[in-house]
Amino acid sequence: MTAQAIGYIDSGIGGITVAREALRQLPHEVVYYVGDTARMPYGPRPKEEVLKYTWELVDFLVKKDIKMLVIACNTATAAALPDLRAKLDIPVIGVIAPGVRGAFRATHNKKIGVIATAGTVKSQAYANALRHKDNSVSVSQLACPEFVEIVEANQSDSVTSKQVIADKLTYFADKDIDTLVLGCTHFPLLDTTITNVMGEKVTLVNSGAVAIENVSAMLDELNISNTNPIDRSKDEYYTTGDVAKFHTLASRWLQNDNLNVRHLTITTTGLKLED
């Protein structure tokens, strides 16, 4: 089992931030990644629909005999984590609980902000988890669907996008937060602009980075870590959307022009790999 891949799923390209952390922290582990870019964003969708789509991604990866699943999507974590853990016989890691732990490690004044998709905010997953850990904490949440669109359109560096981000984050101006959870895996790709807006006194928490710390610990605990060097050509990336666009964005963020990206077709019976 040690040589088997770890599977990662996301609604689109954002989960690449989690895969990037995996490549950094777990260089001996093979990555299988599925991004459902054809149906992104998940944030505005009903929970039942997100659950259905998530299972389609998972079913594809389970058939490829992965040893662990990472839900590299906050919306899917909020909608599907309990169901996946109940029905799968492999370990499943989400990104919300790690984000909460990261927030408490960072905060000094217990005033925490969360930016996420509309679905994650509506689920109250972060707010409930933060208050469950400490009911004296102040939580300010903001849905930022525009940020997902900016990342997926590869417009993170444009002047217009930076202004959109700055305008949106004025919501926190009077909240006195010292910690901001990036509650969508797309958002670390905007961290420089977000830091410029929020200032150095606000610590950004990348839930995906903390999640990979959990993955590392669980691999060791279950004695399924791969300790042998691997060829990164074994990594596999799949998208339900445009392969060329996915390859351009993912290769830029992973700093690897030789990614193996293939297209998955959405059918009535699940995701099918194109020949």
C-alpha atoms as a PDB file:
ATOM      1  CA  MET A   1       0.000   0.000   0.000  1.00  0.00           C
ATOM      2  CA  THR A   2       2.870   2.402   0.653  1.00  0.00           C
ATOM      3  CA  ALA A   3       3.475   3.024  -3.065  1.00  0.00           C
ATOM      4  CA  GLN A   4      -0.170   3.812  -3.838  1.00  0.00           C
ATOM      5  CA  ALA A   5      -1.160   7.368  -4.680  1.00  0.00           C
ATOM      6  CA  ILE A   6      -2.968   9.887  -2.505  1.00  0.00           C
ATOM      7  CA  GLY A   7      -6.089  11.265  -4.204  1.00  0.00           C
ATOM      8  CA  TYR A   8      -7.078  14.930  -4.184  1.00  0.00           C
ATOM      9  CA  ILE A   9     -10.401  16.371  -5.341  1.00  0.00           C
ATOM     10  CA  ASP A  10     -11.603  19.918  -5.901  1.00  0.00           C
ATOM     11  CA  SER A  11     -14.314  21.792  -7.747  1.00  0.00           C
ATOM     12  CA  GLY A  12     -11.644  23.235 -10.024  1.00  0.00           C
ATOM     13  CA  ILE A  13      -8.052  24.400 -10.008  1.00  0.00           C
ATOM     14  CA  GLY A  14      -7.925  25.739  -6.433  1.00  0.00           C
ATOM     15  CA  GLY A  15      -7.064  22.411  -4.866  1.00  0.00           C
ATOM     16  CA  ILE A  16      -3.743  22.630  -6.680  1.00  0.00           C
ATOM     17  CA  THR A  17      -2.672  24.759  -3.693  1.00  0.00           C
ATOM     18  CA  VAL A  18      -3.138  21.661  -1.536  1.00  0.00           C
ATOM     19  CA  ALA A  19      -1.332  19.442  -4.042  1.00  0.00           C
ATOM     20  CA  ARG A  20       1.494  21.987  -4.067  1.00  0.00           C
ATOM     21  CA  GLU A  21       1.816  21.646  -0.299  1.00  0.00           C
ATOM     22  CA  ALA A  22       1.784  17.861  -0.676  1.00  0.00           C
ATOM     23  CA  LEU A  23       4.619  18.007  -3.191  1.00  0.00           C
ATOM     24  CA  ARG A  24       6.588  20.171  -0.766  1.00  0.00           C
ATOM     25  CA  GLN A  25       5.860  18.306   2.469  1.00  0.00           C
ATOM     26  CA  LEU A  26       5.493  14.774   1.074  1.00  0.00           C
ATOM     27  CA  PRO A  27       7.919  14.521  -1.857  1.00  0.00           C
ATOM     28  CA  HIS A  28       7.812  10.701  -1.882  1.00  0.00           C
ATOM     29  CA  GLU A  29       4.033  10.473  -2.285  1.00  0.00           C
ATOM     30  CA  VAL A  30       2.325  10.117  -5.672  1.00  0.00           C
ATOM     31  CA  VAL A  31      -0.415  12.669  -6.452  1.00  0.00           C
ATOM     32  CA  TYR A  32      -3.671  11.864  -8.275  1.00  0.00           C
ATOM     33  CA  TYR A  33      -5.736  15.040  -8.648  1.00  0.00           C
ATOM     34  CA  VAL A  34      -9.229  15.566 -10.065  1.00  0.00           C
ATOM     35  CA  GLY A  35     -10.585  19.071 -10.669  1.00  0.00           C
ATOM     36  CA  ASP A  36     -14.243  19.372 -11.667  1.00  0.00           C
ATOM     37  CA  THR A  37     -13.693  22.573 -13.629  1.00  0.00           C
ATOM     38  CA  ALA A  38     -16.657  21.926 -15.940  1.00  0.00           C
ATOM     39  CA  ARG A  39     -19.062  22.296 -13.015  1.00  0.00           C
ATOM     40  CA  MET A  40     -17.289  24.840 -10.872  1.00  0.00           C
ATOM     41  CA  PRO A  41     -18.032  26.785  -8.778  1.00  0.00           C
ATOM     42  CA  TYR A  42     -19.502  24.463  -6.155  1.00  0.00           C
ATOM     43  CA  GLY A  43     -20.123  27.321  -3.716  1.00  0.00           C
ATOM     44  CA  PRO A  44     -23.581  28.430  -4.946  1.00  0.00           C
ATOM     45  CA  ARG A  45     -24.854  24.886  -5.512  1.00  0.00           C
ATOM     46  CA  PRO A  46     -27.264  23.045  -3.172  1.00  0.00           C
ATOM     47  CA  LYS A  47     -25.616  20.664  -0.714  1.00  0.00           C
ATOM     48  CA  GLU A  48     -27.222  17.620  -2.356  1.00  0.00           C
ATOM     49  CA  GLU A  49     -25.741  18.546  -5.720  1.00  0.00           C
ATOM     50  CA  VAL A  50     -22.284  19.128  -4.242  1.00  0.00           C
ATOM     51  CA  LEU A  51     -22.514  15.740  -2.518  1.00  0.00           C
ATOM     52  CA  LYS A  52     -23.430  14.021  -5.799  1.00  0.00           C
ATOM     53  CA  TYR A  53     -20.592  15.645  -7.733  1.00  0.00           C
ATOM     54  CA  THR A  54     -18.107  14.933  -4.966  1.00  0.00           C
ATOM     55  CA  TRP A  55     -18.971  11.248  -4.999  1.00  0.00           C
ATOM     56  CA  GLU A  56     -18.428  11.134  -8.759  1.00  0.00           C
ATOM     57  CA  LEU A  57     -14.901  12.482  -8.311  1.00  0.00           C
ATOM     58  CA  VAL A  58     -14.239  10.110  -5.435  1.00  0.00           C
ATOM     59  CA  ASP A  59     -15.557   7.049  -7.269  1.00  0.00           C
ATOM     60  CA  PHE A  60     -13.126   7.713 -10.118  1.00  0.00           C
ATOM     61  CA  LEU A  61     -10.152   7.918  -7.763  1.00  0.00           C
ATOM     62  CA  VAL A  62     -11.180   4.940  -5.633  1.00  0.00           C
ATOM     63  CA  LYS A  63     -11.167   2.808  -8.779  1.00  0.00           C
ATOM     64  CA  LYS A  64      -7.540   3.855  -9.202  1.00  0.00           C
ATOM     65  CA  ASP A  65      -6.756   2.271  -5.830  1.00  0.00           C
ATOM     66  CA  ILE A  66      -5.694   5.360  -3.872  1.00  0.00           C
ATOM     67  CA  LYS A  67      -4.566   4.823  -0.276  1.00  0.00           C
ATOM     68  CA  MET A  68      -5.952   8.087   1.111  1.00  0.00           C
ATOM     69  CA  LEU A  69      -8.359  10.818   0.001  1.00  0.00           C
ATOM     70  CA  VAL A  70      -7.896  14.541   0.560  1.00  0.00           C
ATOM     71  CA  ILE A  71     -10.938  16.730  -0.064  1.00  0.00           C
ATOM     72  CA  ALA A  72      -9.037  19.778  -1.295  1.00  0.00           C
ATOM     73  CA  CYS A  73     -12.218  21.856  -1.387  1.00  0.00           C
ATOM     74  CA  ASN A  74     -13.893  23.562   1.559  1.00  0.00           C
ATOM     75  CA  THR A  75     -17.374  23.458   0.008  1.00  0.00           C
ATOM     76  CA  ALA A  76     -17.099  19.711  -0.639  1.00  0.00           C
ATOM     77  CA  THR A  77     -15.643  19.150   2.837  1.00  0.00           C
ATOM     78  CA  ALA A  78     -18.627  20.889   4.423  1.00  0.00           C
ATOM     79  CA  ALA A  79     -21.114  18.957   2.289  1.00  0.00           C
ATOM     80  CA  ALA A  80     -19.594  15.500   2.028  1.00  0.00           C
ATOM     81  CA  LEU A  81     -16.934  14.699   4.645  1.00  0.00           C
ATOM     82  CA  PRO A  82     -19.150  12.740   7.106  1.00  0.00           C
ATOM     83  CA  ASP A  83     -20.708  10.708   4.286  1.00  0.00           C
ATOM     84  CA  LEU A  84     -17.343   9.901   2.709  1.00  0.00           C
ATOM     85  CA  ARG A  85     -15.825   8.833   6.015  1.00  0.00           C
ATOM     86  CA  ALA A  86     -18.806   6.617   6.776  1.00  0.00           C
ATOM     87  CA  LYS A  87     -18.735   4.805   3.447  1.00  0.00           C
ATOM     88  CA  LEU A  88     -15.080   4.619   2.385  1.00  0.00           C
ATOM     89  CA  ASP A  89     -12.549   2.171   3.786  1.00  0.00           C
ATOM     90  CA  ILE A  90      -9.603   4.528   3.274  1.00  0.00           C
ATOM     91  CA  PRO A  91      -8.670   7.566   5.399  1.00  0.00           C
ATOM     92  CA  VAL A  92     -10.375  10.806   4.357  1.00  0.00           C
ATOM     93  CA  ILE A  93      -8.988  14.243   5.234  1.00  0.00           C
ATOM     94  CA  GLY A  94     -10.927  17.483   4.799  1.00  0.00           C
ATOM     95  CA  VAL A  95      -9.646  21.043   4.962  1.00  0.00           C
ATOM     96  CA  ILE A  96     -11.996  22.717   7.455  1.00  0.00           C
ATOM     97  CA  ALA A  97     -10.812  21.165  10.740  1.00  0.00           C
ATOM     98  CA  PRO A  98      -7.158  21.844   9.833  1.00  0.00           C
ATOM     99  CA  GLY A  99      -8.080  25.437   9.009  1.00  0.00           C
ATOM    100  CA  VAL A 100      -9.670  25.805  12.425  1.00  0.00           C
ATOM    101  CA  ARG A 101      -6.579  24.450  14.145  1.00  0.00           C
ATOM    102  CA  GLY A 102      -4.411  26.789  12.128  1.00  0.00           C
ATOM    103  CA  ALA A 103      -6.585  29.734  13.129  1.00  0.00           C
ATOM    104  CA  PHE A 104      -6.247  29.007  16.834  1.00  0.00           C
ATOM    105  CA  ARG A 105      -2.493  28.607  16.469  1.00  0.00           C
ATOM    106  CA  ALA A 106      -2.324  32.055  14.891  1.00  0.00           C
ATOM    107  CA  THR A 107      -4.801  34.214  16.797  1.00  0.00           C
ATOM    108  CA  HIS A 108      -3.943  36.282  19.869  1.00  0.00           C
ATOM    109  CA  ASN A 109      -7.153  38.279  20.295  1.00  0.00           C
ATOM    110  CA  LYS A 110      -9.615  35.501  19.361  1.00  0.00           C
ATOM    111  CA  LYS A 111     -11.092  37.631  16.585  1.00  0.00           C
ATOM    112  CA  ILE A 112     -10.988  35.491  13.470  1.00  0.00           C
ATOM    113  CA  GLY A 113     -12.137  36.236   9.950  1.00  0.00           C
ATOM    114  CA  VAL A 114     -13.116  33.623   7.374  1.00  0.00           C
ATOM    115  CA  ILE A 115     -13.374  34.139   3.622  1.00  0.00           C
ATOM    116  CA  ALA A 116     -14.925  31.287   1.662  1.00  0.00           C
ATOM    117  CA  THR A 117     -17.499  30.378  -0.973  1.00  0.00           C
ATOM    118  CA  ALA A 118     -21.173  31.091  -0.413  1.00  0.00           C
ATOM    119  CA  GLY A 119     -21.776  27.394   0.235  1.00  0.00           C
ATOM    120  CA  THR A 120     -19.115  27.131   2.921  1.00  0.00           C
ATOM    121  CA  VAL A 121     -20.297  30.303   4.651  1.00  0.00           C
ATOM    122  CA  LYS A 122     -23.927  29.176   4.485  1.00  0.00           C
ATOM    123  CA  SER A 123     -23.010  25.816   6.002  1.00  0.00           C
ATOM    124  CA  GLN A 124     -21.554  27.592   9.057  1.00  0.00           C
ATOM    125  CA  ALA A 125     -18.918  24.845   9.094  1.00  0.00           C
ATOM    126  CA  TYR A 126     -16.084  27.176  10.090  1.00  0.00           C
ATOM    127  CA  ALA A 127     -18.097  29.267  12.535  1.00  0.00           C
ATOM    128  CA  ASN A 128     -19.487  26.192  14.290  1.00  0.00           C
ATOM    129  CA  ALA A 129     -16.102  24.461  14.463  1.00  0.00           C
ATOM    130  CA  LEU A 130     -14.345  27.571  15.764  1.00  0.00           C
ATOM    131  CA  ARG A 131     -16.979  28.203  18.439  1.00  0.00           C
ATOM    132  CA  HIS A 132     -17.068  24.532  19.386  1.00  0.00           C
ATOM    133  CA  LYS A 133     -13.362  24.767  20.160  1.00  0.00           C
ATOM    134  CA  ASP A 134     -13.762  28.049  22.086  1.00  0.00           C
ATOM    135  CA  ASN A 135     -17.175  29.681  22.436  1.00  0.00           C
ATOM    136  CA  SER A 136     -15.608  33.017  23.354  1.00  0.00           C
ATOM    137  CA  VAL A 137     -14.133  33.450  19.886  1.00  0.00           C
ATOM    138  CA  SER A 138     -15.478  36.161  17.576  1.00  0.00           C
ATOM    139  CA  VAL A 139     -16.006  34.936  14.010  1.00  0.00           C
ATOM    140  CA  SER A 140     -16.599  37.224  11.021  1.00  0.00           C
ATOM    141  CA  GLN A 141     -17.396  35.435   7.756  1.00  0.00           C
ATOM    142  CA  LEU A 142     -17.511  36.738   4.201  1.00  0.00           C
ATOM    143  CA  ALA A 143     -18.504  34.916   1.016  1.00  0.00           C
ATOM    144  CA  CYS A 144     -16.113  35.823  -1.810  1.00  0.00           C
ATOM    145  CA  PRO A 145     -17.262  33.990  -4.954  1.00  0.00           C
ATOM    146  CA  GLU A 146     -15.551  36.658  -7.061  1.00  0.00           C
ATOM    147  CA  PHE A 147     -12.170  35.449  -5.818  1.00  0.00           C
ATOM    148  CA  VAL A 148     -12.783  31.969  -7.234  1.00  0.00           C
ATOM    149  CA  GLU A 149     -13.639  33.465 -10.613  1.00  0.00           C
ATOM    150  CA  ILE A 150     -10.467  35.581 -10.555  1.00  0.00           C
ATOM    151  CA  VAL A 151      -8.280  32.534  -9.937  1.00  0.00           C
ATOM    152  CA  GLU A 152      -9.999  30.313 -12.497  1.00  0.00           C
ATOM    153  CA  ALA A 153      -9.686  33.075 -15.107  1.00  0.00           C
ATOM    154  CA  ASN A 154      -5.958  33.431 -14.348  1.00  0.00           C
ATOM    155  CA  GLN A 155      -6.486  37.121 -13.538  1.00  0.00           C
ATOM    156  CA  SER A 156      -4.924  37.244 -10.075  1.00  0.00           C
ATOM    157  CA  ASP A 157      -2.333  39.822 -11.106  1.00  0.00           C
ATOM    158  CA  SER A 158      -4.623  42.222 -12.954  1.00  0.00           C
ATOM    159  CA  VAL A 159      -5.247  45.723 -11.612  1.00  0.00           C
ATOM    160  CA  THR A 160      -9.008  45.201 -11.824  1.00  0.00           C
ATOM    161  CA  SER A 161      -8.843  41.963  -9.819  1.00  0.00           C
ATOM    162  CA  LYS A 162      -6.699  43.542  -7.128  1.00  0.00           C
ATOM    163  CA  GLN A 163      -9.253  46.334  -6.783  1.00  0.00           C
ATOM    164  CA  VAL A 164     -12.115  43.832  -6.534  1.00  0.00           C
ATOM    165  CA  ILE A 165     -10.250  42.036  -3.738  1.00  0.00           C
ATOM    166  CA  ALA A 166      -9.476  45.277  -1.912  1.00  0.00           C
ATOM    167  CA  ASP A 167     -13.074  46.489  -2.139  1.00  0.00           C
ATOM    168  CA  LYS A 168     -14.455  43.171  -0.927  1.00  0.00           C
ATOM    169  CA  LEU A 169     -12.161  42.964   2.092  1.00  0.00           C
ATOM    170  CA  THR A 170     -13.232  46.378   3.418  1.00  0.00           C
ATOM    171  CA  TYR A 171     -15.881  44.296   5.215  1.00  0.00           C
ATOM    172  CA  PHE A 172     -13.241  43.468   7.821  1.00  0.00           C
ATOM    173  CA  ALA A 173     -12.110  47.067   8.370  1.00  0.00           C
ATOM    174  CA  ASP A 174     -13.989  47.450  11.668  1.00  0.00           C
ATOM    175  CA  LYS A 175     -13.814  43.803  12.814  1.00  0.00           C
ATOM    176  CA  ASP A 176     -10.382  44.020  14.539  1.00  0.00           C
ATOM    177  CA  ILE A 177      -9.426  40.526  13.367  1.00  0.00           C
ATOM    178  CA  ASP A 178      -5.836  39.362  13.748  1.00  0.00           C
ATOM    179  CA  THR A 179      -6.319  36.124  11.776  1.00  0.00           C
ATOM    180  CA  LEU A 180      -7.964  35.446   8.419  1.00  0.00           C
ATOM    181  CA  VAL A 181      -8.738  31.888   7.356  1.00  0.00           C
ATOM    182  CA  LEU A 182      -8.509  31.339   3.611  1.00  0.00           C
ATOM    183  CA  GLY A 183     -11.542  29.067   3.634  1.00  0.00           C
ATOM    184  CA  CYS A 184     -11.359  28.165  -0.051  1.00  0.00           C
ATOM    185  CA  THR A 185      -8.400  26.392  -1.578  1.00  0.00           C
ATOM    186  CA  HIS A 186      -8.379  28.891  -4.460  1.00  0.00           C
ATOM    187  CA  PHE A 187      -7.564  31.764  -2.134  1.00  0.00           C
ATOM    188  CA  PRO A 188      -3.883  31.049  -1.279  1.00  0.00           C
ATOM    189  CA  LEU A 189      -3.226  31.925  -4.915  1.00  0.00           C
ATOM    190  CA  LEU A 190      -4.300  35.469  -3.995  1.00  0.00           C
ATOM    191  CA  ASP A 191      -2.395  35.639  -0.715  1.00  0.00           C
ATOM    192  CA  THR A 192      -0.009  38.421  -1.735  1.00  0.00           C
ATOM    193  CA  THR A 193      -2.854  40.768  -2.665  1.00  0.00           C
ATOM    194  CA  ILE A 194      -4.876  39.781   0.400  1.00  0.00           C
ATOM    195  CA  THR A 195      -1.887  40.462   2.676  1.00  0.00           C
ATOM    196  CA  ASN A 196      -1.335  43.834   1.027  1.00  0.00           C
ATOM    197  CA  VAL A 197      -4.957  44.743   1.747  1.00  0.00           C
ATOM    198  CA  MET A 198      -5.242  43.315   5.268  1.00  0.00           C
ATOM    199  CA  GLY A 199      -1.799  44.374   6.463  1.00  0.00           C
ATOM    200  CA  GLU A 200       1.006  42.491   8.161  1.00  0.00           C
ATOM    201  CA  LYS A 201      -0.808  42.409  11.516  1.00  0.00           C
ATOM    202  CA  VAL A 202      -3.360  39.957  10.134  1.00  0.00           C
ATOM    203  CA  THR A 203      -2.098  36.374   9.806  1.00  0.00           C
ATOM    204  CA  LEU A 204      -3.432  34.398   6.852  1.00  0.00           C
ATOM    205  CA  VAL A 205      -4.215  30.732   7.491  1.00  0.00           C
ATOM    206  CA  ASN A 206      -3.870  28.346   4.560  1.00  0.00           C
ATOM    207  CA  SER A 207      -6.120  25.436   5.539  1.00  0.00           C
ATOM    208  CA  GLY A 208      -4.639  23.233   2.826  1.00  0.00           C
ATOM    209  CA  ALA A 209      -1.118  23.545   4.212  1.00  0.00           C
ATOM    210  CA  VAL A 210      -2.306  22.488   7.663  1.00  0.00           C
ATOM    211  CA  ALA A 211      -4.309  19.645   6.103  1.00  0.00           C
ATOM    212  CA  ILE A 212      -1.147  18.210   4.554  1.00  0.00           C
ATOM    213  CA  GLU A 213       0.477  18.244   8.001  1.00  0.00           C
ATOM    214  CA  ASN A 214      -2.433  16.016   9.057  1.00  0.00           C
ATOM    215  CA  VAL A 215      -1.930  13.783   6.027  1.00  0.00           C
ATOM    216  CA  SER A 216       1.737  13.358   6.906  1.00  0.00           C
ATOM    217  CA  ALA A 217       0.916  12.434  10.501  1.00  0.00           C
ATOM    218  CA  MET A 218      -1.759   9.945   9.431  1.00  0.00           C
ATOM    219  CA  LEU A 219       0.538   8.282   6.896  1.00  0.00           C
ATOM    220  CA  ASP A 220       3.072   7.719   9.658  1.00  0.00           C
ATOM    221  CA  GLU A 221       0.456   6.553  12.159  1.00  0.00           C
ATOM    222  CA  LEU A 222      -0.957   3.992   9.725  1.00  0.00           C
ATOM    223  CA  ASN A 223       2.522   3.020   8.530  1.00  0.00           C
ATOM    224  CA  ILE A 224       1.629   3.639   4.893  1.00  0.00           C
ATOM    225  CA  SER A 225       4.180   6.343   4.061  1.00  0.00           C
ATOM    226  CA  ASN A 226       6.199   5.824   0.915  1.00  0.00           C
ATOM    227  CA  THR A 227       9.875   6.270   1.762  1.00  0.00           C
ATOM    228  CA  ASN A 228      11.285   5.528  -1.682  1.00  0.00           C
ATOM    229  CA  PRO A 229      12.116   8.325  -4.129  1.00  0.00           C
ATOM    230  CA  ILE A 230       9.603   8.604  -6.968  1.00  0.00           C
ATOM    231  CA  ASP A 231       9.520   9.956 -10.479  1.00  0.00           C
ATOM    232  CA  ARG A 232       7.070  12.881 -10.597  1.00  0.00           C
ATOM    233  CA  SER A 233       5.885  11.593 -13.980  1.00  0.00           C
ATOM    234  CA  LYS A 234       3.806   9.125 -11.940  1.00  0.00           C
ATOM    235  CA  ASP A 235       1.578  11.998 -10.797  1.00  0.00           C
ATOM    236  CA  GLU A 236      -1.745  12.218 -12.648  1.00  0.00           C
ATOM    237  CA  TYR A 237      -4.000  15.248 -13.052  1.00  0.00           C
ATOM    238  CA  TYR A 238      -7.534  15.141 -14.411  1.00  0.00           C
ATOM    239  CA  THR A 239     -10.051  17.821 -15.300  1.00  0.00           C
ATOM    240  CA  THR A 240     -13.645  17.738 -16.482  1.00  0.00           C
ATOM    241  CA  GLY A 241     -13.008  21.048 -18.249  1.00  0.00           C
ATOM    242  CA  ASP A 242     -10.484  22.449 -20.698  1.00  0.00           C
ATOM    243  CA  VAL A 243      -7.230  20.480 -20.529  1.00  0.00           C
ATOM    244  CA  ALA A 244      -5.053  23.208 -22.038  1.00  0.00           C
ATOM    245  CA  LYS A 245      -6.326  25.850 -19.614  1.00  0.00           C
ATOM    246  CA  PHE A 246      -5.934  23.515 -16.647  1.00  0.00           C
ATOM    247  CA  HIS A 247      -2.402  22.617 -17.736  1.00  0.00           C
ATOM    248  CA  THR A 248      -1.438  26.280 -18.104  1.00  0.00           C
ATOM    249  CA  LEU A 249      -2.658  27.235 -14.634  1.00  0.00           C
ATOM    250  CA  ALA A 250      -1.519  24.107 -12.803  1.00  0.00           C
ATOM    251  CA  SER A 251       1.933  24.045 -14.382  1.00  0.00           C
ATOM    252  CA  ARG A 252       2.422  27.699 -13.487  1.00  0.00           C
ATOM    253  CA  TRP A 253       1.480  27.201  -9.850  1.00  0.00           C
ATOM    254  CA  LEU A 254       3.341  23.912  -9.480  1.00  0.00           C
ATOM    255  CA  GLN A 255       6.311  25.205 -11.488  1.00  0.00           C
ATOM    256  CA  ASN A 256       6.292  22.095 -13.634  1.00  0.00           C
ATOM    257  CA  ASP A 257       5.642  22.270 -17.372  1.00  0.00           C
ATOM    258  CA  ASN A 258       5.564  18.483 -17.734  1.00  0.00           C
ATOM    259  CA  LEU A 259       2.306  17.730 -15.937  1.00  0.00           C
ATOM    260  CA  ASN A 260       0.303  14.742 -17.140  1.00  0.00           C
ATOM    261  CA  VAL A 261      -3.201  16.239 -17.545  1.00  0.00           C
ATOM    262  CA  ARG A 262      -6.089  14.245 -19.018  1.00  0.00           C
ATOM    263  CA  HIS A 263      -9.754  14.952 -19.654  1.00  0.00           C
ATOM    264  CA  LEU A 264     -12.654  13.277 -17.871  1.00  0.00           C
ATOM    265  CA  THR A 265     -16.063  13.198 -19.531  1.00  0.00           C
ATOM    266  CA  ILE A 266     -19.124  13.627 -17.319  1.00  0.00           C
ATOM    267  CA  THR A 267     -21.670  10.887 -18.068  1.00  0.00           C
ATOM    268  CA  THR A 268     -24.862   9.679 -16.436  1.00  0.00           C
ATOM    269  CA  THR A 269     -22.883   6.844 -14.842  1.00  0.00           C
ATOM    270  CA  GLY A 270     -19.951   8.884 -13.570  1.00  0.00           C
ATOM    271  CA  LEU A 271     -16.685  10.248 -14.899  1.00  0.00           C
ATOM    272  CA  LYS A 272     -15.082   8.506 -17.857  1.00  0.00           C
ATOM    273  CA  LEU A 273     -11.494   8.854 -19.014  1.00  0.00           C
ATOM    274  CA  GLU A 274     -11.181   9.838 -22.653  1.00  0.00           C
ATOM    275  CA  ASP A 275      -9.074   7.514 -24.793  1.00  0.00           C
END
